[in-house]
Amino acid sequence: MANGVGEGCAQLSAVADAVLYEGYLLYPYRRSSAKNRVRWQFGVLLPRNWVERDGPVTPGVSGSADSWYQRTECLLRVRRADAVVRVRVRYLQLQYKQVEAAGADGVHRPVESLRTADGVTRLSFEEAVPRETEVAVPLAELLRGGRSFAVGAPAGAEYEPLPAGAGRIVRRRREARGGTTVEAEPLGAGLYRLRVRTENTADAAGPEAPRSAVLGQALLATHTLLAGDGAEFVSLIDPPAGFAEQARGCRNAFTFPVLGGPPPEPAGGDGATGALLLSAPIILPDHPQVAPESPGDLHDAAEIDEILTLRTMLLTDEEKAEARATDPRAARILDRVDTMPREVFARLHGAIRSLAPAPRPAAARPAWWQEGGDDGLCPSTDTVLVAGVPVGGGSRVRLCPRGRGADAQDMFLAGRTARVAAVFHDVDGSVRLAVTVDDDPAAELHDWYGRFHYFRPDEVAPLDRAACPAPAAAPAPLPDRLQRRPQT
């Protein structure tokens, strides 16, 4: 996006590329791996008659649910009357890579794999082609009804002959039909609500067909980048106090917008704004960044680069050969890992982003790294005072994540009620409450599995004014899931 914020735009593009290929191919990067047989999990826009064959979709910000549309709503603060908004819609178009063996009769027949005379094995697999469409729309046009534009991609096929006439590779793409509409409405002096809606406009030939049969018509990993010339976007996570109500009025479906580019320095002030915005099917914080130590994409941003790199290094020669035959992106990962300089690998071990004074431990308790540091702690029976009320396992609370610096996903739980499962003392001396949300259909499962949401004591309000139930005289040993401390 040529909008005068080149460095920030380049940084955001790196994040957008990570979103585009998140989960595209997972370790061990082989076709035979079970996790690589169920793909395309984020931002998948399918034909409407297929998605709604059993009824309308239920809107939500989760981009892991199949839908036929995405809707982004955000706040735009305009600085000039001639302001322009640039919109870029990006996605992947599925491409079927079919290996075909040449028969004695000259006819090519599809096969799952083929080893040619040069000793290389070729595998049939689903690839993807990146697509994007960008438009620049003046504010005046947005207010007159907006603009609609096509974001689809045509069908196509390419043929690649294999050595010694052994066969060929055929790459086929079905047509992907899509359209985007962008419009704005005034909310006050210099403030507008911007709405971007992208839809899959195709019809599935067979609404009862399995998902795999209609993925060729889908827009995969769909997301939107926005840039403002003479305008800036308002954070929905940390809006200025005067825009908090308007921010709450924004309705996003199957995607969520966050500010892009580097965070302002120094941070502070009343709320956050910026010239760039990324609306992604994966919930991110404002100003997301790819770690500068990361030498390349591993398609699994929730994993640790060092661990994935080490495990990839340890693949057998046979496993690496299969990964290379699976997909060119897997081959590039292997090339990067196998030739990684020692100093680049060393940087993956960790980095210090900031330092803060460590709290002094209680005089009567050893430091966490010393023997006896955990003595007397019991997550299921410990309590912590919140507004003068002891809160512990079994307490009911209302969630009130702090307005600034809170995790983006925590903000969606603001105002909800929850039950405290445990009180954890972290190694830095802080305390976290592990909770399950009351109206979460999977709350019982999360509690059994030990998968909790974590909040600080000052981010909850007690609903039970009475003290917590007294612990039993000799509590039973806790399962391992409650012995673990949260990672913060």
Protein backbone atom coordinates (compact mmCIF):
# COMPACT_ATOMS: atom_id res chain seq x y z
CA MET A 1 0.00 0.00 0.00
CA ALA A 2 1.65 3.19 -1.16
CA ASN A 3 0.32 5.45 1.56
CA GLY A 4 3.42 7.10 2.94
CA VAL A 5 3.85 4.76 5.90
CA GLY A 6 6.25 2.39 4.18
CA GLU A 7 8.07 0.91 7.19
CA GLY A 8 4.85 0.27 9.11
CA CYS A 9 3.21 -1.15 6.01
CA ALA A 10 6.12 -3.53 5.41
CA GLN A 11 5.90 -4.71 9.01
CA LEU A 12 2.15 -5.25 8.74
CA SER A 13 2.56 -7.09 5.44
CA ALA A 14 4.87 -9.57 7.19
CA VAL A 15 2.17 -10.21 9.80
CA ALA A 16 -0.46 -10.50 7.07
CA ASP A 17 1.66 -13.08 5.26
CA ALA A 18 1.89 -15.08 8.49
CA VAL A 19 -1.91 -14.95 8.74
CA LEU A 20 -2.25 -15.97 5.08
CA TYR A 21 -0.20 -19.14 5.55
CA GLU A 22 -1.00 -19.98 9.19
CA GLY A 23 -1.63 -23.72 9.33
CA TYR A 24 -0.94 -24.09 5.60
CA LEU A 25 1.44 -26.96 6.34
CA LEU A 26 2.45 -28.08 9.83
CA TYR A 27 5.42 -29.95 11.25
CA PRO A 28 6.60 -32.52 10.22
CA TYR A 29 5.57 -30.96 6.87
CA ARG A 30 4.79 -34.35 5.31
CA ARG A 31 1.66 -35.18 3.35
CA SER A 32 1.25 -38.43 5.32
CA SER A 33 1.05 -36.58 8.66
CA ALA A 34 -2.49 -36.66 10.10
CA LYS A 35 -2.45 -32.94 10.88
CA ASN A 36 -1.76 -32.15 7.20
CA ARG A 37 -4.82 -34.06 6.04
CA VAL A 38 -7.24 -31.59 7.66
CA ARG A 39 -6.29 -28.13 6.44
CA TRP A 40 -7.77 -24.70 5.66
CA GLN A 41 -9.06 -23.74 9.11
CA PHE A 42 -9.01 -19.92 9.18
CA GLY A 43 -10.91 -17.31 7.21
CA VAL A 44 -12.57 -19.84 4.91
CA LEU A 45 -15.37 -18.25 2.85
CA LEU A 46 -17.40 -20.92 1.06
CA PRO A 47 -20.45 -20.70 -1.22
CA ARG A 48 -23.46 -19.51 0.73
CA ASN A 49 -25.79 -22.32 -0.38
CA TRP A 50 -23.29 -24.84 1.01
CA VAL A 51 -22.60 -23.05 4.31
CA GLU A 52 -26.29 -22.45 5.05
CA ARG A 53 -27.61 -25.83 3.91
CA ASP A 54 -28.68 -26.46 7.52
CA GLY A 55 -29.59 -22.86 8.39
CA PRO A 56 -28.03 -19.39 8.69
CA VAL A 57 -24.55 -19.03 10.15
CA THR A 58 -24.20 -17.56 13.63
CA PRO A 59 -22.05 -14.40 13.48
CA GLY A 60 -19.05 -14.15 15.78
CA VAL A 61 -15.49 -12.85 15.66
CA SER A 62 -14.02 -16.35 15.39
CA GLY A 63 -12.51 -16.85 11.97
CA SER A 64 -12.13 -20.59 12.49
CA ALA A 65 -15.84 -21.11 11.71
CA ASP A 66 -16.80 -21.63 8.08
CA SER A 67 -18.83 -18.76 6.65
CA TRP A 68 -19.78 -17.24 3.33
CA TYR A 69 -18.89 -13.67 4.36
CA GLN A 70 -16.68 -11.53 6.58
CA ARG A 71 -17.67 -8.15 8.00
CA THR A 72 -15.21 -5.64 9.38
CA GLU A 73 -16.45 -2.56 11.23
CA CYS A 74 -14.01 -0.04 12.64
CA LEU A 75 -13.80 3.63 13.54
CA LEU A 76 -12.16 6.15 11.23
CA ARG A 77 -11.05 9.56 12.49
CA VAL A 78 -10.64 11.93 9.55
CA ARG A 79 -8.05 14.71 9.49
CA ARG A 80 -8.69 16.10 5.99
CA ALA A 81 -11.78 16.49 3.84
CA ASP A 82 -9.99 14.79 0.92
CA ALA A 83 -9.15 11.69 2.98
CA VAL A 84 -8.75 8.40 1.12
CA VAL A 85 -9.07 4.85 2.44
CA ARG A 86 -7.08 2.07 0.77
CA VAL A 87 -8.53 -1.43 1.01
CA ARG A 88 -6.63 -4.60 0.18
CA VAL A 89 -8.41 -7.97 0.31
CA ARG A 90 -6.14 -11.02 0.39
CA TYR A 91 -6.78 -14.76 0.37
CA LEU A 92 -5.53 -18.08 -0.99
CA GLN A 93 -7.03 -19.88 -3.98
CA LEU A 94 -6.87 -23.65 -3.75
CA GLN A 95 -4.72 -25.36 -6.38
CA TYR A 96 -4.85 -29.11 -6.93
CA LYS A 97 -1.43 -30.58 -7.74
CA GLN A 98 -2.00 -33.89 -9.49
CA VAL A 99 0.88 -36.16 -10.48
CA GLU A 100 0.16 -38.16 -13.63
CA ALA A 101 2.16 -41.12 -14.91
CA ALA A 102 2.61 -41.63 -18.65
CA GLY A 103 1.40 -45.01 -19.85
CA ALA A 104 2.74 -47.07 -22.74
CA ASP A 105 -0.31 -45.98 -24.73
CA GLY A 106 0.64 -42.32 -24.27
CA VAL A 107 -2.25 -41.67 -21.87
CA HIS A 108 -1.55 -39.87 -18.59
CA ARG A 109 -3.15 -41.42 -15.52
CA PRO A 110 -3.41 -39.78 -12.06
CA VAL A 111 -1.26 -41.34 -9.32
CA GLU A 112 -0.58 -40.44 -5.68
CA SER A 113 3.19 -40.52 -6.13
CA LEU A 114 5.76 -41.05 -8.87
CA ARG A 115 9.51 -41.58 -8.63
CA THR A 116 11.34 -40.44 -11.74
CA ALA A 117 14.69 -41.43 -13.22
CA ASP A 118 16.47 -38.56 -11.45
CA GLY A 119 15.63 -40.20 -8.10
CA VAL A 120 13.09 -37.54 -7.08
CA THR A 121 9.63 -38.51 -5.84
CA ARG A 122 6.66 -36.32 -6.76
CA LEU A 123 3.49 -36.35 -4.64
CA SER A 124 -0.05 -35.22 -5.41
CA PHE A 125 -1.14 -32.53 -2.92
CA GLU A 126 -3.30 -29.43 -2.42
CA GLU A 127 -1.35 -26.21 -2.90
CA ALA A 128 -2.61 -22.63 -2.85
CA VAL A 129 -2.03 -19.44 -4.82
CA PRO A 130 -2.06 -16.03 -3.06
CA ARG A 131 -4.55 -13.51 -4.45
CA GLU A 132 -5.19 -9.89 -3.59
CA THR A 133 -7.19 -6.94 -4.84
CA GLU A 134 -6.60 -3.33 -3.78
CA VAL A 135 -8.69 -0.19 -4.28
CA ALA A 136 -8.41 3.39 -3.06
CA VAL A 137 -11.73 5.03 -2.22
CA PRO A 138 -12.20 8.73 -1.31
CA LEU A 139 -14.16 9.44 1.87
CA ALA A 140 -16.76 11.35 -0.14
CA GLU A 141 -17.51 8.24 -2.20
CA LEU A 142 -17.70 6.08 0.91
CA LEU A 143 -20.38 8.36 2.31
CA ARG A 144 -22.39 8.36 -0.94
CA GLY A 145 -23.02 4.63 -0.79
CA GLY A 146 -19.52 3.23 -0.97
CA ARG A 147 -17.93 1.06 -3.61
CA SER A 148 -18.25 -2.60 -4.54
CA PHE A 149 -15.56 -4.49 -6.42
CA ALA A 150 -14.78 -8.07 -7.45
CA VAL A 151 -12.09 -10.00 -5.58
CA GLY A 152 -12.39 -13.37 -7.33
CA ALA A 153 -9.84 -15.32 -9.34
CA PRO A 154 -10.30 -17.25 -12.61
CA ALA A 155 -10.00 -20.96 -13.14
CA GLY A 156 -6.78 -22.20 -14.69
CA ALA A 157 -4.42 -25.08 -15.30
CA GLU A 158 -0.66 -25.50 -15.83
CA TYR A 159 1.22 -28.56 -17.04
CA GLU A 160 4.79 -29.43 -15.99
CA PRO A 161 6.51 -32.31 -17.84
CA LEU A 162 8.60 -34.70 -15.76
CA PRO A 163 12.08 -35.97 -16.74
CA ALA A 164 12.47 -38.72 -19.33
CA GLY A 165 8.80 -38.58 -20.29
CA ALA A 166 7.78 -40.30 -17.03
CA GLY A 167 4.67 -38.20 -16.78
CA ARG A 168 3.62 -34.72 -15.79
CA ILE A 169 2.34 -32.56 -12.95
CA VAL A 170 -0.99 -30.84 -13.56
CA ARG A 171 -2.00 -27.91 -11.40
CA ARG A 172 -5.69 -27.01 -11.63
CA ARG A 173 -7.69 -24.21 -10.04
CA ARG A 174 -11.43 -23.76 -9.96
CA GLU A 175 -12.91 -20.29 -10.28
CA ALA A 176 -13.16 -18.39 -6.99
CA ARG A 177 -15.95 -15.82 -7.02
CA GLY A 178 -16.01 -13.05 -4.48
CA GLY A 179 -16.97 -9.45 -3.96
CA THR A 180 -16.21 -6.71 -1.44
CA THR A 181 -18.22 -3.64 -0.48
CA VAL A 182 -16.73 -0.76 1.50
CA GLU A 183 -18.82 2.09 2.89
CA ALA A 184 -18.87 4.61 5.74
CA GLU A 185 -21.41 6.36 7.96
CA PRO A 186 -20.88 9.51 10.03
CA LEU A 187 -20.95 9.21 13.82
CA GLY A 188 -19.89 12.70 14.80
CA ALA A 189 -17.52 15.52 13.94
CA GLY A 190 -14.64 13.90 12.05
CA LEU A 191 -15.60 10.39 13.18
CA TYR A 192 -16.99 7.67 10.90
CA ARG A 193 -17.78 3.97 11.08
CA LEU A 194 -16.10 2.15 8.20
CA ARG A 195 -17.63 -1.13 7.07
CA VAL A 196 -15.92 -3.67 4.78
CA ARG A 197 -17.85 -6.78 3.77
CA THR A 198 -16.37 -9.57 1.67
CA GLU A 199 -18.57 -12.39 0.35
CA ASN A 200 -18.15 -15.60 -1.55
CA THR A 201 -20.62 -15.11 -4.42
CA ALA A 202 -20.36 -18.58 -5.96
CA ASP A 203 -22.97 -21.33 -5.85
CA ALA A 204 -21.94 -24.84 -4.90
CA ALA A 205 -23.09 -27.37 -7.48
CA GLY A 206 -24.04 -29.79 -4.72
CA PRO A 207 -24.95 -28.25 -1.35
CA GLU A 208 -24.81 -31.73 0.20
CA ALA A 209 -21.26 -32.34 -1.04
CA PRO A 210 -18.47 -32.78 1.54
CA ARG A 211 -16.36 -29.79 2.49
CA SER A 212 -13.40 -31.06 0.50
CA ALA A 213 -15.48 -30.94 -2.69
CA VAL A 214 -16.30 -27.22 -2.38
CA LEU A 215 -12.97 -25.91 -1.06
CA GLY A 216 -11.91 -25.27 -4.65
CA GLN A 217 -14.52 -22.51 -4.79
CA ALA A 218 -13.49 -21.00 -1.44
CA LEU A 219 -11.58 -17.91 -0.46
CA LEU A 220 -9.06 -19.28 2.07
CA ALA A 221 -7.36 -17.37 4.93
CA THR A 222 -9.30 -14.27 3.89
CA HIS A 223 -8.23 -11.02 5.55
CA THR A 224 -8.26 -7.28 4.89
CA LEU A 225 -5.62 -4.57 5.17
CA LEU A 226 -6.67 -0.93 5.47
CA ALA A 227 -4.61 2.25 5.22
CA GLY A 228 -5.71 5.84 5.68
CA ASP A 229 -4.46 8.92 3.82
CA GLY A 230 -5.58 11.95 5.83
CA ALA A 231 -7.32 9.65 8.29
CA GLU A 232 -6.48 7.24 11.09
CA PHE A 233 -8.14 4.22 12.62
CA VAL A 234 -9.26 3.97 16.23
CA SER A 235 -8.35 0.88 18.25
CA LEU A 236 -11.35 -1.25 19.22
CA ILE A 237 -9.25 -2.80 22.00
CA ASP A 238 -8.02 0.47 23.50
CA PRO A 239 -10.16 3.32 22.12
CA PRO A 240 -9.86 6.89 23.39
CA ALA A 241 -12.34 7.45 26.21
CA GLY A 242 -14.52 9.67 24.05
CA PHE A 243 -14.96 6.91 21.46
CA ALA A 244 -15.53 3.95 23.77
CA GLU A 245 -19.28 3.78 23.14
CA GLN A 246 -18.86 4.02 19.36
CA ALA A 247 -16.18 1.29 19.50
CA ARG A 248 -18.59 -1.01 21.34
CA GLY A 249 -21.10 -0.42 18.56
CA CYS A 250 -18.84 -1.95 15.91
CA ARG A 251 -20.00 -5.41 14.84
CA ASN A 252 -17.39 -7.72 13.36
CA ALA A 253 -18.21 -11.13 11.92
CA PHE A 254 -15.65 -13.92 11.39
CA THR A 255 -12.79 -11.44 11.63
CA PHE A 256 -11.46 -8.79 14.02
CA PRO A 257 -9.57 -5.56 13.25
CA VAL A 258 -6.43 -4.40 15.07
CA LEU A 259 -4.04 -1.51 14.55
CA GLY A 260 -0.98 -2.30 12.44
CA GLY A 261 2.56 -1.02 12.22
CA PRO A 262 4.93 -0.37 15.14
CA PRO A 263 3.40 0.86 18.42
CA PRO A 264 3.75 4.58 19.11
CA GLU A 265 6.72 5.76 21.14
CA PRO A 266 6.36 6.76 23.83
CA ALA A 267 3.19 4.76 24.51
CA GLY A 268 0.50 6.45 26.52
CA GLY A 269 -2.12 9.08 26.08
CA ASP A 270 -5.84 8.57 25.79
CA GLY A 271 -6.38 5.44 23.73
CA ALA A 272 -4.71 4.22 20.58
CA THR A 273 -5.01 5.21 16.93
CA GLY A 274 -2.99 4.45 13.81
CA ALA A 275 -2.80 4.81 10.04
CA LEU A 276 -2.88 1.05 9.37
CA LEU A 277 -5.31 -1.70 10.27
CA LEU A 278 -5.38 -5.47 9.79
CA SER A 279 -8.67 -7.35 10.01
CA ALA A 280 -7.83 -11.03 10.39
CA PRO A 281 -9.65 -14.30 11.09
CA ILE A 282 -7.13 -14.90 13.90
CA ILE A 283 -7.56 -12.62 16.91
CA LEU A 284 -4.43 -10.51 17.35
CA PRO A 285 -3.39 -7.63 19.62
CA ASP A 286 -2.92 -4.09 18.36
CA HIS A 287 0.41 -3.63 16.55
CA PRO A 288 1.19 -7.34 16.02
CA GLN A 289 4.75 -8.08 14.94
CA VAL A 290 6.78 -10.96 13.64
CA ALA A 291 9.70 -11.48 16.04
CA PRO A 292 12.84 -10.01 14.44
CA GLU A 293 14.77 -13.12 15.52
CA SER A 294 12.57 -15.36 13.37
CA PRO A 295 14.41 -16.17 10.12
CA GLY A 296 11.31 -17.35 8.24
CA ASP A 297 7.76 -18.64 8.40
CA LEU A 298 7.11 -22.10 9.88
CA HIS A 299 3.33 -21.80 9.34
CA ASP A 300 2.63 -22.34 13.05
CA ALA A 301 2.76 -19.01 14.87
CA ALA A 302 1.48 -20.53 18.12
CA GLU A 303 4.57 -22.74 18.36
CA ILE A 304 8.11 -21.78 19.39
CA ASP A 305 10.53 -21.31 16.49
CA GLU A 306 13.44 -22.88 18.34
CA ILE A 307 11.49 -26.06 19.12
CA LEU A 308 10.16 -26.43 15.58
CA THR A 309 13.58 -25.79 14.11
CA LEU A 310 15.21 -28.41 16.33
CA ARG A 311 12.55 -30.99 15.59
CA THR A 312 12.77 -30.29 11.86
CA MET A 313 16.54 -30.72 11.99
CA LEU A 314 16.01 -34.18 13.52
CA LEU A 315 13.74 -35.49 10.78
CA THR A 316 15.17 -38.56 9.06
CA ASP A 317 16.40 -38.36 5.49
CA GLU A 318 13.29 -40.29 4.39
CA GLU A 319 11.00 -37.88 6.23
CA LYS A 320 12.76 -34.88 4.73
CA ALA A 321 12.49 -36.37 1.26
CA GLU A 322 8.73 -36.80 1.69
CA ALA A 323 8.37 -33.24 3.01
CA ARG A 324 10.27 -31.85 0.01
CA ALA A 325 8.02 -33.83 -2.34
CA THR A 326 4.90 -32.58 -0.53
CA ASP A 327 5.13 -28.84 -1.20
CA PRO A 328 7.70 -26.24 -2.32
CA ARG A 329 7.13 -24.23 0.86
CA ALA A 330 8.07 -27.29 2.93
CA ALA A 331 11.22 -27.67 0.82
CA ARG A 332 12.16 -24.05 1.55
CA ILE A 333 11.71 -24.61 5.29
CA LEU A 334 14.04 -27.62 5.16
CA ASP A 335 16.63 -25.68 3.15
CA ARG A 336 16.54 -22.85 5.68
CA VAL A 337 16.80 -25.15 8.69
CA ASP A 338 19.56 -27.33 7.25
CA THR A 339 21.73 -24.32 6.37
CA MET A 340 20.94 -22.09 9.35
CA PRO A 341 24.09 -20.36 10.68
CA ARG A 342 24.89 -20.98 14.34
CA GLU A 343 24.45 -17.30 15.28
CA VAL A 344 20.95 -17.21 13.71
CA PHE A 345 19.93 -20.36 15.58
CA ALA A 346 21.28 -18.91 18.84
CA ARG A 347 18.97 -15.91 18.54
CA LEU A 348 15.96 -18.26 18.55
CA HIS A 349 16.65 -19.21 22.16
CA GLY A 350 15.07 -16.03 23.51
CA ALA A 351 15.23 -12.29 23.81
CA ILE A 352 14.64 -9.67 26.49
CA ARG A 353 12.11 -7.11 25.26
CA SER A 354 11.82 -5.10 28.47
CA LEU A 355 12.83 -5.15 32.11
CA ALA A 356 10.84 -4.31 35.22
CA PRO A 357 11.83 -4.27 38.90
CA ALA A 358 11.29 -7.65 40.53
CA PRO A 359 9.10 -7.56 43.66
CA ARG A 360 10.81 -8.48 46.89
CA PRO A 361 9.76 -11.94 48.06
CA ALA A 362 8.09 -12.26 51.43
CA ALA A 363 10.71 -12.53 54.14
CA ALA A 364 9.32 -15.83 55.38
CA ARG A 365 9.31 -17.52 51.96
CA PRO A 366 12.35 -18.58 49.91
CA ALA A 367 12.69 -17.35 46.34
CA TRP A 368 10.99 -19.54 43.74
CA TRP A 369 14.24 -21.12 42.57
CA GLN A 370 15.25 -22.14 46.08
CA GLU A 371 14.22 -25.34 47.82
CA GLY A 372 10.93 -24.89 49.62
CA GLY A 373 9.80 -22.03 47.40
CA ASP A 374 6.46 -23.78 46.76
CA ASP A 375 5.91 -25.01 50.29
CA GLY A 376 2.48 -24.15 51.64
CA LEU A 377 1.02 -23.18 48.24
CA CYS A 378 -2.11 -25.00 47.08
CA PRO A 379 -3.85 -23.59 43.97
CA SER A 380 -7.23 -25.13 44.77
CA THR A 381 -7.40 -23.85 48.37
CA ASP A 382 -5.32 -20.65 48.33
CA THR A 383 -7.19 -17.35 48.39
CA VAL A 384 -6.40 -13.77 47.52
CA LEU A 385 -8.14 -10.61 48.75
CA VAL A 386 -10.16 -8.75 46.12
CA ALA A 387 -11.96 -5.62 47.35
CA GLY A 388 -11.65 -7.01 50.86
CA VAL A 389 -13.21 -10.36 49.93
CA PRO A 390 -11.18 -13.61 49.96
CA VAL A 391 -11.44 -15.16 46.50
CA GLY A 392 -10.37 -18.71 45.72
CA GLY A 393 -11.47 -21.99 44.20
CA GLY A 394 -15.26 -22.01 43.82
CA SER A 395 -15.72 -18.22 44.04
CA ARG A 396 -17.87 -16.53 41.43
CA VAL A 397 -16.58 -13.31 39.90
CA ARG A 398 -17.35 -10.83 37.16
CA LEU A 399 -14.55 -10.34 34.65
CA CYS A 400 -13.29 -6.76 34.25
CA PRO A 401 -10.10 -6.84 32.13
CA ARG A 402 -8.11 -3.66 32.41
CA GLY A 403 -8.75 -1.16 29.65
CA ARG A 404 -5.15 -0.77 28.50
CA GLY A 405 -2.69 -3.53 27.80
CA ALA A 406 -5.19 -6.34 28.21
CA ASP A 407 -5.04 -9.37 25.96
CA ALA A 408 -7.30 -8.91 22.94
CA GLN A 409 -9.17 -12.13 23.68
CA ASP A 410 -9.76 -11.12 27.31
CA MET A 411 -11.64 -8.02 26.12
CA PHE A 412 -14.34 -10.23 24.62
CA LEU A 413 -15.04 -11.61 28.10
CA ALA A 414 -15.56 -8.21 29.74
CA GLY A 415 -18.69 -8.24 31.91
CA ARG A 416 -19.10 -12.02 31.81
CA THR A 417 -19.38 -14.05 35.02
CA ALA A 418 -16.99 -16.87 35.81
CA ARG A 419 -16.04 -19.39 38.46
CA VAL A 420 -12.56 -19.42 39.95
CA ALA A 421 -10.88 -22.82 39.67
CA ALA A 422 -7.54 -22.02 41.28
CA VAL A 423 -5.19 -19.32 42.53
CA PHE A 424 -1.69 -19.47 41.04
CA HIS A 425 1.41 -17.74 42.36
CA ASP A 426 3.74 -16.98 39.45
CA VAL A 427 7.52 -17.00 39.59
CA ASP A 428 7.65 -13.20 39.40
CA GLY A 429 5.64 -12.89 42.61
CA SER A 430 2.37 -12.00 40.90
CA VAL A 431 -0.94 -13.82 41.37
CA ARG A 432 -3.30 -15.10 38.66
CA LEU A 433 -6.83 -16.41 39.00
CA ALA A 434 -7.66 -19.38 36.77
CA VAL A 435 -11.33 -19.17 35.77
CA THR A 436 -13.94 -20.86 33.58
CA VAL A 437 -16.64 -18.69 32.03
CA ASP A 438 -20.18 -19.49 33.23
CA ASP A 439 -21.95 -19.49 29.86
CA ASP A 440 -19.18 -21.32 28.00
CA PRO A 441 -20.72 -24.59 26.69
CA ALA A 442 -17.31 -26.22 27.09
CA ALA A 443 -16.69 -24.93 30.64
CA GLU A 444 -16.91 -28.37 32.23
CA LEU A 445 -14.53 -29.82 29.65
CA HIS A 446 -12.06 -26.95 30.14
CA ASP A 447 -12.20 -27.45 33.90
CA TRP A 448 -11.53 -31.18 33.56
CA TYR A 449 -8.69 -30.63 31.09
CA GLY A 450 -7.19 -27.72 33.02
CA ARG A 451 -7.51 -25.17 30.22
CA PHE A 452 -8.41 -21.91 31.93
CA HIS A 453 -8.58 -18.17 31.31
CA TYR A 454 -6.21 -16.24 33.59
CA PHE A 455 -6.91 -12.85 35.15
CA ARG A 456 -5.16 -10.69 37.73
CA PRO A 457 -7.01 -10.07 41.00
CA ASP A 458 -7.62 -6.43 40.01
CA GLU A 459 -9.37 -7.63 36.83
CA VAL A 460 -12.26 -9.35 38.62
CA ALA A 461 -15.09 -8.26 40.90
CA PRO A 462 -16.37 -10.72 43.52
CA LEU A 463 -20.01 -11.74 43.17
CA ASP A 464 -20.05 -13.61 46.49
CA ARG A 465 -19.48 -11.15 49.31
CA ALA A 466 -19.11 -13.97 51.79
CA ALA A 467 -15.75 -15.53 52.43
CA CYS A 468 -14.67 -18.53 50.37
CA PRO A 469 -15.52 -21.98 51.75
CA ALA A 470 -12.97 -23.11 54.31
CA PRO A 471 -10.60 -25.72 52.93
CA ALA A 472 -10.71 -29.25 54.20
CA ALA A 473 -8.29 -30.09 56.97
CA ALA A 474 -6.24 -32.32 54.68
CA PRO A 475 -6.87 -31.57 51.02
CA ALA A 476 -6.30 -34.41 48.59
CA PRO A 477 -3.30 -34.20 46.27
CA LEU A 478 -4.05 -32.07 43.25
CA PRO A 479 -3.98 -33.37 39.68
CA ASP A 480 -0.99 -32.20 37.69
CA ARG A 481 -3.18 -29.80 35.74
CA LEU A 482 -3.62 -27.62 38.85
CA GLN A 483 0.01 -27.84 39.85
CA ARG A 484 1.10 -26.10 36.66
CA ARG A 485 1.65 -22.38 36.81
CA PRO A 486 0.26 -20.19 34.03
CA GLN A 487 2.57 -18.84 31.38
CA THR A 488 2.32 -15.08 31.21
